[in-house]
Amino acid sequence: MSGRKLKRSLLAMIVLAAAAKCVWALGFRLSQSKEQLELKYNVDCTDHDSGRVSINLTITEQGRIKPVHAVQLAIPSDDGTGYFDLSVSLATETVDGKLRARAHLTRELAERATIRLVTRTNPESGGKAERTWYYHVIPIADYIRKRDQKPK
């Protein structure tokens, strides 16, 4: 084998080996309810009457998805393409054993927003799999509507 062919073959193997380490993880949406997952959380939405909303999430019991790896704010595009206008991880803090996260955004975005509780723990088996994660979705619009329906 000539030196040039050997170099090309070696380069191809290096590229394939490097690409194998950059495999994306698979995320699965959990279909179970909050109660089935034994989750206990409170979502408080505050409308500031300025077109902005503050969202405060307090998780008191992580249930069958413990430990929660990340809390994400996701705002799907309103054109129905399946893409997101915004997807970010929220900063969390633990206060008195409760996990807390918050976000402040326009009401229009808040009505489309969801919070995702991300875990690497399979709630069915309790085990973890490499490159696999699971998430529970909390639609924020439900909590905004509940707040709007409360008598003032």
C-alpha atoms as a PDB file:
ATOM      1  CA  MET A   1       0.000   0.000   0.000  1.00  0.00           C
ATOM      2  CA  SER A   2       1.415   3.363  -0.949  1.00  0.00           C
ATOM      3  CA  GLY A   3       2.123   6.005   1.669  1.00  0.00           C
ATOM      4  CA  ARG A   4      -0.602   8.296   0.307  1.00  0.00           C
ATOM      5  CA  LYS A   5      -3.323   5.589   0.565  1.00  0.00           C
ATOM      6  CA  LEU A   6      -2.154   4.678   4.063  1.00  0.00           C
ATOM      7  CA  LYS A   7      -2.401   8.322   5.176  1.00  0.00           C
ATOM      8  CA  ARG A   8      -5.911   8.651   3.727  1.00  0.00           C
ATOM      9  CA  SER A   9      -7.077   5.443   5.415  1.00  0.00           C
ATOM     10  CA  LEU A  10      -5.595   6.525   8.721  1.00  0.00           C
ATOM     11  CA  LEU A  11      -7.213   9.969   8.410  1.00  0.00           C
ATOM     12  CA  ALA A  12     -10.596   8.387   7.630  1.00  0.00           C
ATOM     13  CA  MET A  13     -10.363   6.174  10.743  1.00  0.00           C
ATOM     14  CA  ILE A  14      -9.453   9.158  12.931  1.00  0.00           C
ATOM     15  CA  VAL A  15     -12.418  11.172  11.594  1.00  0.00           C
ATOM     16  CA  LEU A  16     -14.820   8.275  12.220  1.00  0.00           C
ATOM     17  CA  ALA A  17     -13.487   7.747  15.743  1.00  0.00           C
ATOM     18  CA  ALA A  18     -13.817  11.450  16.545  1.00  0.00           C
ATOM     19  CA  ALA A  19     -17.359  11.574  15.154  1.00  0.00           C
ATOM     20  CA  ALA A  20     -18.410   8.614  17.316  1.00  0.00           C
ATOM     21  CA  LYS A  21     -17.587  10.616  20.459  1.00  0.00           C
ATOM     22  CA  CYS A  22     -19.868  13.470  19.349  1.00  0.00           C
ATOM     23  CA  VAL A  23     -23.090  11.459  19.302  1.00  0.00           C
ATOM     24  CA  TRP A  24     -26.202  13.378  20.342  1.00  0.00           C
ATOM     25  CA  ALA A  25     -28.247  12.147  23.262  1.00  0.00           C
ATOM     26  CA  LEU A  26     -31.867  11.085  22.827  1.00  0.00           C
ATOM     27  CA  GLY A  27     -34.509  12.916  24.834  1.00  0.00           C
ATOM     28  CA  PHE A  28     -37.876  11.356  25.593  1.00  0.00           C
ATOM     29  CA  ARG A  29     -40.951  13.255  26.743  1.00  0.00           C
ATOM     30  CA  LEU A  30     -42.594  11.558  29.705  1.00  0.00           C
ATOM     31  CA  SER A  31     -46.265  10.830  29.192  1.00  0.00           C
ATOM     32  CA  GLN A  32     -46.987  10.261  32.888  1.00  0.00           C
ATOM     33  CA  SER A  33     -48.808  12.920  34.891  1.00  0.00           C
ATOM     34  CA  LYS A  34     -47.358  14.891  37.760  1.00  0.00           C
ATOM     35  CA  GLU A  35     -49.144  12.556  40.178  1.00  0.00           C
ATOM     36  CA  GLN A  36     -47.937   9.368  38.453  1.00  0.00           C
ATOM     37  CA  LEU A  37     -44.353  10.638  38.650  1.00  0.00           C
ATOM     38  CA  GLU A  38     -44.906  11.553  42.324  1.00  0.00           C
ATOM     39  CA  LEU A  39     -43.805  15.115  41.584  1.00  0.00           C
ATOM     40  CA  LYS A  40     -44.768  17.982  43.839  1.00  0.00           C
ATOM     41  CA  TYR A  41     -44.220  21.465  42.498  1.00  0.00           C
ATOM     42  CA  ASN A  42     -45.839  24.859  42.497  1.00  0.00           C
ATOM     43  CA  VAL A  43     -45.854  27.290  39.578  1.00  0.00           C
ATOM     44  CA  ASP A  44     -46.660  30.882  40.457  1.00  0.00           C
ATOM     45  CA  CYS A  45     -47.219  33.352  37.624  1.00  0.00           C
ATOM     46  CA  THR A  46     -47.278  37.046  38.426  1.00  0.00           C
ATOM     47  CA  ASP A  47     -48.666  39.409  35.797  1.00  0.00           C
ATOM     48  CA  HIS A  48     -47.094  42.834  36.314  1.00  0.00           C
ATOM     49  CA  ASP A  49     -49.757  44.646  34.224  1.00  0.00           C
ATOM     50  CA  SER A  50     -46.927  45.912  32.041  1.00  0.00           C
ATOM     51  CA  GLY A  51     -47.098  43.146  29.458  1.00  0.00           C
ATOM     52  CA  ARG A  52     -44.582  41.100  31.437  1.00  0.00           C
ATOM     53  CA  VAL A  53     -44.960  37.966  33.543  1.00  0.00           C
ATOM     54  CA  SER A  54     -42.745  36.476  36.245  1.00  0.00           C
ATOM     55  CA  ILE A  55     -42.780  32.690  36.514  1.00  0.00           C
ATOM     56  CA  ASN A  56     -41.600  31.075  39.734  1.00  0.00           C
ATOM     57  CA  LEU A  57     -41.218  27.298  39.979  1.00  0.00           C
ATOM     58  CA  THR A  58     -40.717  25.572  43.319  1.00  0.00           C
ATOM     59  CA  ILE A  59     -40.143  21.807  43.333  1.00  0.00           C
ATOM     60  CA  THR A  60     -40.758  20.347  46.779  1.00  0.00           C
ATOM     61  CA  GLU A  61     -40.564  16.648  45.775  1.00  0.00           C
ATOM     62  CA  GLN A  62     -38.694  15.337  42.718  1.00  0.00           C
ATOM     63  CA  GLY A  63     -40.471  11.977  42.870  1.00  0.00           C
ATOM     64  CA  ARG A  64     -39.536   9.270  40.395  1.00  0.00           C
ATOM     65  CA  ILE A  65     -37.408  11.586  38.216  1.00  0.00           C
ATOM     66  CA  LYS A  66     -34.977  12.395  41.032  1.00  0.00           C
ATOM     67  CA  PRO A  67     -32.490  13.912  40.566  1.00  0.00           C
ATOM     68  CA  VAL A  68     -33.671  16.716  38.304  1.00  0.00           C
ATOM     69  CA  HIS A  69     -30.671  17.378  36.089  1.00  0.00           C
ATOM     70  CA  ALA A  70     -31.875  20.671  34.585  1.00  0.00           C
ATOM     71  CA  VAL A  71     -34.854  23.006  34.419  1.00  0.00           C
ATOM     72  CA  GLN A  72     -35.398  24.354  30.915  1.00  0.00           C
ATOM     73  CA  LEU A  73     -37.625  27.085  29.538  1.00  0.00           C
ATOM     74  CA  ALA A  74     -38.836  26.274  26.019  1.00  0.00           C
ATOM     75  CA  ILE A  75     -40.922  28.536  23.792  1.00  0.00           C
ATOM     76  CA  PRO A  76     -42.092  26.798  20.622  1.00  0.00           C
ATOM     77  CA  SER A  77     -42.372  28.748  17.411  1.00  0.00           C
ATOM     78  CA  ASP A  78     -45.936  29.874  16.724  1.00  0.00           C
ATOM     79  CA  ASP A  79     -45.710  28.867  13.046  1.00  0.00           C
ATOM     80  CA  GLY A  80     -46.214  25.165  13.816  1.00  0.00           C
ATOM     81  CA  THR A  81     -42.868  24.015  12.400  1.00  0.00           C
ATOM     82  CA  GLY A  82     -41.758  22.257  15.585  1.00  0.00           C
ATOM     83  CA  TYR A  83     -38.783  24.579  16.016  1.00  0.00           C
ATOM     84  CA  PHE A  84     -38.268  26.729  19.099  1.00  0.00           C
ATOM     85  CA  ASP A  85     -38.069  30.506  19.337  1.00  0.00           C
ATOM     86  CA  LEU A  86     -36.211  30.060  22.622  1.00  0.00           C
ATOM     87  CA  SER A  87     -34.843  27.106  24.574  1.00  0.00           C
ATOM     88  CA  VAL A  88     -32.642  27.822  27.608  1.00  0.00           C
ATOM     89  CA  SER A  89     -31.640  26.192  30.854  1.00  0.00           C
ATOM     90  CA  LEU A  90     -32.749  28.187  33.870  1.00  0.00           C
ATOM     91  CA  ALA A  91     -30.510  28.840  36.836  1.00  0.00           C
ATOM     92  CA  THR A  92     -31.683  26.877  39.859  1.00  0.00           C
ATOM     93  CA  GLU A  93     -31.117  27.249  43.554  1.00  0.00           C
ATOM     94  CA  THR A  94     -31.920  24.988  46.467  1.00  0.00           C
ATOM     95  CA  VAL A  95     -33.546  26.729  49.432  1.00  0.00           C
ATOM     96  CA  ASP A  96     -34.705  24.717  52.456  1.00  0.00           C
ATOM     97  CA  GLY A  97     -34.496  21.505  50.405  1.00  0.00           C
ATOM     98  CA  LYS A  98     -36.685  22.932  47.620  1.00  0.00           C
ATOM     99  CA  LEU A  99     -35.405  23.436  44.078  1.00  0.00           C
ATOM    100  CA  ARG A 100     -36.351  26.835  42.670  1.00  0.00           C
ATOM    101  CA  ALA A 101     -36.141  28.463  39.250  1.00  0.00           C
ATOM    102  CA  ARG A 102     -37.622  31.637  37.821  1.00  0.00           C
ATOM    103  CA  ALA A 103     -38.014  33.508  34.573  1.00  0.00           C
ATOM    104  CA  HIS A 104     -39.310  36.945  33.573  1.00  0.00           C
ATOM    105  CA  LEU A 105     -40.687  37.392  30.050  1.00  0.00           C
ATOM    106  CA  THR A 106     -43.409  39.020  27.986  1.00  0.00           C
ATOM    107  CA  ARG A 107     -46.919  37.689  28.454  1.00  0.00           C
ATOM    108  CA  GLU A 108     -47.111  36.673  24.781  1.00  0.00           C
ATOM    109  CA  LEU A 109     -44.030  34.453  25.173  1.00  0.00           C
ATOM    110  CA  ALA A 110     -45.186  33.150  28.556  1.00  0.00           C
ATOM    111  CA  GLU A 111     -48.477  31.947  27.060  1.00  0.00           C
ATOM    112  CA  ARG A 112     -46.503  29.722  24.639  1.00  0.00           C
ATOM    113  CA  ALA A 113     -43.826  28.700  27.126  1.00  0.00           C
ATOM    114  CA  THR A 114     -43.261  25.363  28.790  1.00  0.00           C
ATOM    115  CA  ILE A 115     -40.935  24.384  31.585  1.00  0.00           C
ATOM    116  CA  ARG A 116     -39.138  21.080  31.163  1.00  0.00           C
ATOM    117  CA  LEU A 117     -37.870  19.120  34.147  1.00  0.00           C
ATOM    118  CA  VAL A 118     -34.957  17.146  32.715  1.00  0.00           C
ATOM    119  CA  THR A 119     -33.583  13.968  34.263  1.00  0.00           C
ATOM    120  CA  ARG A 120     -31.319  11.118  33.268  1.00  0.00           C
ATOM    121  CA  THR A 121     -33.271   8.696  35.445  1.00  0.00           C
ATOM    122  CA  ASN A 122     -35.767   6.425  33.702  1.00  0.00           C
ATOM    123  CA  PRO A 123     -38.915   6.698  35.862  1.00  0.00           C
ATOM    124  CA  GLU A 124     -40.007   3.194  34.810  1.00  0.00           C
ATOM    125  CA  SER A 125     -36.857   1.349  35.874  1.00  0.00           C
ATOM    126  CA  GLY A 126     -35.100   3.871  38.102  1.00  0.00           C
ATOM    127  CA  GLY A 127     -31.918   3.243  36.118  1.00  0.00           C
ATOM    128  CA  LYS A 128     -29.846   5.468  33.870  1.00  0.00           C
ATOM    129  CA  ALA A 129     -28.804   4.891  30.283  1.00  0.00           C
ATOM    130  CA  GLU A 130     -25.925   6.577  28.517  1.00  0.00           C
ATOM    131  CA  ARG A 131     -26.852   9.359  26.121  1.00  0.00           C
ATOM    132  CA  THR A 132     -30.522   9.238  27.129  1.00  0.00           C
ATOM    133  CA  TRP A 133     -32.557  11.804  29.030  1.00  0.00           C
ATOM    134  CA  TYR A 134     -36.202  12.251  29.932  1.00  0.00           C
ATOM    135  CA  TYR A 135     -38.307  15.349  30.525  1.00  0.00           C
ATOM    136  CA  HIS A 136     -41.624  16.269  32.113  1.00  0.00           C
ATOM    137  CA  VAL A 137     -43.414  19.230  30.518  1.00  0.00           C
ATOM    138  CA  ILE A 138     -45.211  21.947  32.499  1.00  0.00           C
ATOM    139  CA  PRO A 139     -47.309  24.222  30.209  1.00  0.00           C
ATOM    140  CA  ILE A 140     -47.188  27.756  31.617  1.00  0.00           C
ATOM    141  CA  ALA A 141     -50.389  28.866  29.845  1.00  0.00           C
ATOM    142  CA  ASP A 142     -52.401  26.647  32.221  1.00  0.00           C
ATOM    143  CA  TYR A 143     -51.078  28.568  35.216  1.00  0.00           C
ATOM    144  CA  ILE A 144     -51.629  31.965  33.586  1.00  0.00           C
ATOM    145  CA  ARG A 145     -55.267  31.027  32.865  1.00  0.00           C
ATOM    146  CA  LYS A 146     -55.777  29.823  36.461  1.00  0.00           C
ATOM    147  CA  ARG A 147     -54.407  33.131  37.722  1.00  0.00           C
ATOM    148  CA  ASP A 148     -56.668  35.125  35.366  1.00  0.00           C
ATOM    149  CA  GLN A 149     -59.730  33.186  36.566  1.00  0.00           C
ATOM    150  CA  LYS A 150     -59.125  33.933  40.252  1.00  0.00           C
ATOM    151  CA  PRO A 151     -61.461  36.554  41.694  1.00  0.00           C
ATOM    152  CA  LYS A 152     -59.714  39.811  42.458  1.00  0.00           C
END
